[in-house]
Amino acid sequence: MTARLQVEAATVTYRQPGRGVLTAVDGVDLRVEPGEVVGLVGESGCGKSTLARAACGLEPLAGGRILLDGEPVQRLGLRAREVRLRRIQMVFQNPYASLNPRRRVGAQIEDGRRVAAGAPAPVGELLESVGLDAAAASRYPHEFSGGQRQRVAIARAMATRPDLLIGDEPIASLDASLQARVAALMRRVALENGASLLFISHDLAVVRAIADRIAVMQSGRIVEQGPAEQVWAAPQHPYTRRLLAAIPVADGLGRLPAV
C-alpha cells in the first residue's frame, strides 16, 4: 500500500550569516499510512515544525524527498497552491493568530469549502462536528475562548476535505485541562473524514493517548519510532527514556477523553 505521507531522507538547512549552515532536519525517514495517526514528539527546537512545513511544501528540501500518496511534494507555487491546500491542511499552535480577526468564522470556513473536492459539509455541520453550535458561524474569533478558537481552526482545516491533517503543536497554547480534549478531537475528526493525522507535540503523554505510532525527534533526526504502546512501555533510545521520565506519574492520559 502506498503511504499517505512518505518522508525519505529529508534534509532542511538554513544559512546563518556569519555562522555557516544550520541543519534543522537531518535525513529524516517517516511514514504516515492512510487512516493512521502518527505522533511526532521532541523538545522545542528539534526540527518538528520545520519538517511539518516541508511536508506542506512551505520549506524547500536540501536533500531527500517527500511524497503524498506517491506523488512528490514540491515547494508551493501559485498554480499548485489550491490543490495542495485541498489535500494537506495544517492546524497551528496559536489559533487566534491563524484566524482573521476581522472576518466571521463562518466566512473563513467557507473559504476552505470553496477549494474542496466534491461536496463538502455545510459550515454549520462542520462547526457541530467539532462541538460548536452552528450559530457560531456568525461570530468573530475574539468572541471565542482559546479552546473554541482551536476547534474553529480544525473545522476550517477539515472544510477542504484534506487527505492529510497536520497539527503543528496545536495544543501548546491551551490550558492543560483542554489539551488532551482537543488532541482527541483532532483524531476523531480526521479519522471520521478519511484523513490521516500527523500530530506534532512536545508532550509524549498526550501523543500516547491519540497516536497509533510515535516517532521521537532529537536535534533534527528521528531517533526512535514504533507503535505507541511499545515506545511508551519499552523505549529503546536514551532520549525517549528522558522524555518519559519528565512526565508526571499521574498524567491521567491513558485513555482518550470525551470530546
Protein backbone atom coordinates (compact mmCIF):
# COMPACT_ATOMS: atom_id res chain seq x y z
CA MET A 1 0.00 0.00 0.00
CA THR A 2 1.23 3.49 -0.88
CA ALA A 3 1.82 5.62 2.20
CA ARG A 4 -0.34 8.70 2.59
CA LEU A 5 2.80 10.67 3.57
CA GLN A 6 6.27 9.29 2.93
CA VAL A 7 9.34 11.22 4.02
CA GLU A 8 12.61 9.85 2.65
CA ALA A 9 15.98 11.15 3.89
CA ALA A 10 14.50 14.65 4.13
CA THR A 11 17.00 17.39 4.94
CA VAL A 12 16.27 21.07 5.52
CA THR A 13 19.05 23.60 6.02
CA TYR A 14 19.26 27.32 6.76
CA ARG A 15 22.12 29.70 6.11
CA GLN A 16 23.04 31.77 9.15
CA PRO A 17 25.03 34.95 8.42
CA GLY A 18 28.45 34.58 9.96
CA ARG A 19 27.61 31.17 11.45
CA GLY A 20 27.51 28.82 8.46
CA VAL A 21 24.71 26.37 7.72
CA LEU A 22 22.21 25.10 10.27
CA THR A 23 20.74 21.66 9.57
CA ALA A 24 17.24 21.77 11.05
CA VAL A 25 16.08 18.41 9.63
CA ASP A 26 18.79 15.83 9.06
CA GLY A 27 17.99 12.85 6.84
CA VAL A 28 14.56 12.04 8.30
CA ASP A 29 12.56 8.97 7.23
CA LEU A 30 8.90 8.87 8.27
CA ARG A 31 5.67 7.28 7.01
CA VAL A 32 2.04 8.03 7.72
CA GLU A 33 -0.33 5.40 6.35
CA PRO A 34 -3.90 6.06 5.15
CA GLY A 35 -6.20 6.32 8.14
CA GLU A 36 -3.31 6.40 10.60
CA VAL A 37 -2.43 8.82 13.39
CA VAL A 38 1.30 9.35 13.88
CA GLY A 39 2.64 11.41 16.76
CA LEU A 40 5.92 13.27 16.26
CA VAL A 41 7.43 14.26 19.60
CA GLY A 42 10.52 16.07 20.77
CA GLU A 43 11.67 19.16 22.62
CA SER A 44 11.28 22.65 21.21
CA GLY A 45 13.84 23.40 18.51
CA CYS A 46 14.39 19.79 17.46
CA GLY A 47 13.04 20.34 13.92
CA LYS A 48 9.46 19.07 14.25
CA SER A 49 7.78 22.21 12.91
CA THR A 50 10.32 22.58 10.13
CA LEU A 51 9.55 19.04 9.00
CA ALA A 52 5.82 19.84 9.10
CA ARG A 53 6.29 22.90 6.90
CA ALA A 54 8.37 20.87 4.47
CA ALA A 55 5.59 18.27 4.29
CA CYS A 56 3.20 21.08 3.27
CA GLY A 57 5.58 22.43 0.65
CA LEU A 58 6.32 25.53 2.70
CA GLU A 59 10.03 24.75 3.19
CA PRO A 60 12.40 23.65 0.41
CA LEU A 61 14.39 20.45 0.90
CA ALA A 62 18.16 20.47 0.71
CA GLY A 63 18.06 16.70 0.20
CA GLY A 64 15.73 13.71 0.13
CA ARG A 65 12.09 13.81 -0.92
CA ILE A 66 8.55 13.93 0.47
CA LEU A 67 5.67 12.09 -1.20
CA LEU A 68 1.91 12.45 -0.75
CA ASP A 69 0.13 9.32 -1.99
CA GLY A 70 3.22 8.54 -4.06
CA GLU A 71 3.45 11.99 -5.69
CA PRO A 72 6.35 14.34 -4.86
CA VAL A 73 5.51 17.34 -2.67
CA GLN A 74 7.12 20.36 -4.24
CA ARG A 75 7.51 23.82 -2.78
CA LEU A 76 4.22 25.63 -3.21
CA GLY A 77 3.79 27.82 -6.25
CA LEU A 78 0.70 29.82 -7.14
CA ARG A 79 -0.63 27.18 -9.53
CA ALA A 80 -0.17 24.30 -7.10
CA ARG A 81 -1.37 26.16 -4.02
CA GLU A 82 -5.09 25.40 -4.33
CA VAL A 83 -4.57 21.69 -4.99
CA ARG A 84 -2.10 21.40 -2.10
CA LEU A 85 -4.37 23.28 0.28
CA ARG A 86 -7.14 20.88 -0.63
CA ARG A 87 -5.05 17.81 0.07
CA ILE A 88 -2.95 18.89 3.08
CA GLN A 89 -4.15 21.11 5.89
CA MET A 90 -2.29 22.32 8.97
CA VAL A 91 -3.61 23.40 12.35
CA PHE A 92 -1.13 25.75 14.00
CA GLN A 93 -0.15 26.39 17.61
CA ASN A 94 -1.84 29.77 18.04
CA PRO A 95 -5.47 29.61 16.85
CA TYR A 96 -6.02 33.35 17.25
CA ALA A 97 -3.05 34.21 15.02
CA SER A 98 -4.17 31.75 12.35
CA LEU A 99 -7.72 33.18 12.14
CA ASN A 100 -8.53 36.54 10.56
CA PRO A 101 -9.86 38.71 13.42
CA ARG A 102 -11.86 40.90 11.02
CA ARG A 103 -13.92 38.12 9.45
CA ARG A 104 -16.69 35.98 10.86
CA VAL A 105 -15.61 32.39 11.40
CA GLY A 106 -18.31 31.09 9.07
CA ALA A 107 -16.80 33.04 6.19
CA GLN A 108 -13.35 31.68 6.98
CA ILE A 109 -14.63 28.11 7.00
CA GLU A 110 -16.41 28.83 3.71
CA ASP A 111 -13.01 29.68 2.19
CA GLY A 112 -11.98 26.07 2.77
CA ARG A 113 -15.22 24.72 1.34
CA ARG A 114 -14.63 26.65 -1.90
CA VAL A 115 -11.43 24.73 -2.68
CA ALA A 116 -12.71 21.33 -1.53
CA ALA A 117 -13.15 18.48 -3.96
CA GLY A 118 -16.65 17.04 -4.21
CA ALA A 119 -19.42 18.21 -1.90
CA PRO A 120 -18.03 19.45 1.44
CA ALA A 121 -20.21 19.53 4.54
CA PRO A 122 -22.10 22.78 5.24
CA VAL A 123 -20.45 25.30 7.56
CA GLY A 124 -22.92 24.62 10.37
CA GLU A 125 -22.30 20.89 10.17
CA LEU A 126 -18.54 21.41 10.27
CA LEU A 127 -18.88 23.53 13.40
CA GLU A 128 -21.11 20.94 15.04
CA SER A 129 -18.57 18.21 14.20
CA VAL A 130 -16.04 19.97 16.46
CA GLY A 131 -18.50 20.55 19.29
CA LEU A 132 -19.64 24.09 18.49
CA ASP A 133 -23.13 25.34 17.72
CA ALA A 134 -23.91 26.08 14.08
CA ALA A 135 -24.84 29.63 15.13
CA ALA A 136 -21.19 30.25 15.97
CA ALA A 137 -20.63 30.91 12.25
CA SER A 138 -21.80 34.50 12.72
CA ARG A 139 -19.28 35.28 15.46
CA TYR A 140 -15.76 36.71 15.27
CA PRO A 141 -12.61 34.93 16.58
CA HIS A 142 -12.27 37.23 19.60
CA GLU A 143 -15.68 36.06 20.83
CA PHE A 144 -14.35 32.54 21.46
CA SER A 145 -12.10 31.07 24.14
CA GLY A 146 -8.71 29.64 23.15
CA GLY A 147 -10.02 26.09 23.05
CA GLN A 148 -13.05 27.13 20.99
CA ARG A 149 -10.84 29.02 18.53
CA GLN A 150 -8.76 25.90 18.03
CA ARG A 151 -11.98 23.98 17.32
CA VAL A 152 -12.84 26.60 14.70
CA ALA A 153 -9.37 26.16 13.18
CA ILE A 154 -9.92 22.39 13.00
CA ALA A 155 -13.32 22.88 11.34
CA ARG A 156 -11.76 25.25 8.80
CA ALA A 157 -9.00 22.75 8.04
CA MET A 158 -11.47 19.91 7.54
CA ALA A 159 -13.66 22.06 5.25
CA THR A 160 -11.27 21.32 2.38
CA ARG A 161 -11.75 17.56 2.88
CA PRO A 162 -7.97 17.01 3.15
CA ASP A 163 -6.18 13.68 2.79
CA LEU A 164 -3.66 14.67 5.45
CA LEU A 165 -4.15 16.84 8.53
CA ILE A 166 -1.04 18.12 10.31
CA GLY A 167 -1.25 19.51 13.82
CA ASP A 168 1.83 21.65 14.50
CA GLU A 169 1.88 21.91 18.30
CA PRO A 170 -1.89 22.61 18.16
CA ILE A 171 -2.41 22.23 21.91
CA ALA A 172 0.67 24.07 23.22
CA SER A 173 -1.16 27.36 23.78
CA LEU A 174 -4.15 25.77 25.52
CA ASP A 175 -4.81 25.23 29.21
CA ALA A 176 -3.69 21.83 30.48
CA SER A 177 -7.33 20.85 31.06
CA LEU A 178 -8.09 21.33 27.34
CA GLN A 179 -5.01 19.81 25.75
CA ALA A 180 -5.98 16.14 25.76
CA ARG A 181 -9.56 17.00 24.79
CA VAL A 182 -8.53 18.96 21.68
CA ALA A 183 -5.97 16.31 20.74
CA ALA A 184 -8.66 13.61 20.93
CA LEU A 185 -10.97 15.82 18.88
CA MET A 186 -8.37 16.12 16.11
CA ARG A 187 -8.00 12.34 15.98
CA ARG A 188 -11.75 11.77 15.83
CA VAL A 189 -12.47 14.42 13.20
CA ALA A 190 -9.57 13.35 10.97
CA LEU A 191 -10.44 9.65 11.00
CA GLU A 192 -14.18 10.22 10.60
CA ASN A 193 -13.40 12.19 7.43
CA GLY A 194 -10.95 9.65 6.00
CA ALA A 195 -7.84 11.75 6.63
CA SER A 196 -4.53 10.71 8.14
CA LEU A 197 -3.15 12.78 11.01
CA LEU A 198 0.42 13.80 11.79
CA PHE A 199 0.25 15.26 15.30
CA ILE A 200 3.30 17.21 16.47
CA SER A 201 3.88 17.89 20.14
CA HIS A 202 6.50 18.02 22.85
CA ASP A 203 4.06 16.21 25.17
CA LEU A 204 4.60 12.47 24.91
CA ALA A 205 1.74 11.69 27.30
CA VAL A 206 -0.85 13.42 25.09
CA VAL A 207 0.60 11.85 21.95
CA ARG A 208 0.41 8.41 23.54
CA ALA A 209 -3.31 8.90 24.11
CA ILE A 210 -4.17 9.58 20.46
CA ALA A 211 -1.42 8.11 18.23
CA ASP A 212 -1.18 4.70 16.58
CA ARG A 213 2.57 5.16 16.15
CA ILE A 214 5.08 7.54 17.71
CA ALA A 215 8.25 8.98 16.20
CA VAL A 216 10.74 10.68 18.53
CA MET A 217 12.86 13.52 17.13
CA GLN A 218 16.07 14.91 18.59
CA SER A 219 18.36 17.51 17.01
CA GLY A 220 16.83 17.13 13.56
CA ARG A 221 16.81 13.32 13.48
CA ILE A 222 14.30 10.58 14.24
CA VAL A 223 15.94 8.56 16.99
CA GLU A 224 13.11 6.10 17.64
CA GLN A 225 9.74 5.15 16.20
CA GLY A 226 7.23 2.37 16.64
CA PRO A 227 3.74 1.50 17.89
CA ALA A 228 2.64 3.97 20.56
CA GLU A 229 2.33 1.49 23.39
CA GLN A 230 5.66 -0.13 22.50
CA VAL A 231 7.50 3.20 22.58
CA TRP A 232 5.75 4.06 25.85
CA ALA A 233 6.32 0.73 27.60
CA ALA A 234 9.76 -0.19 26.26
CA PRO A 235 11.63 2.86 24.94
CA GLN A 236 14.89 1.96 23.23
CA HIS A 237 16.68 5.30 22.94
CA PRO A 238 18.06 7.21 25.96
CA TYR A 239 16.41 10.41 24.74
CA THR A 240 12.98 8.75 24.66
CA ARG A 241 13.56 7.48 28.18
CA ARG A 242 14.40 11.01 29.31
CA LEU A 243 11.18 12.35 27.79
CA LEU A 244 9.21 9.67 29.60
CA ALA A 245 10.98 10.33 32.88
CA ALA A 246 9.94 14.00 32.69
CA ILE A 247 6.21 13.14 32.58
CA PRO A 248 4.38 13.36 35.93
CA VAL A 249 3.29 9.91 37.10
CA ALA A 250 -0.36 10.93 37.44
CA ASP A 251 -0.70 12.18 33.88
CA GLY A 252 -4.27 10.89 33.52
CA LEU A 253 -3.89 10.41 29.78
CA GLY A 254 -4.03 6.67 29.41
CA ARG A 255 -7.47 6.93 27.79
CA LEU A 256 -8.98 9.30 25.30
CA PRO A 257 -11.20 11.90 26.96
CA ALA A 258 -14.71 12.53 25.74
CA VAL A 259 -14.94 15.30 23.15
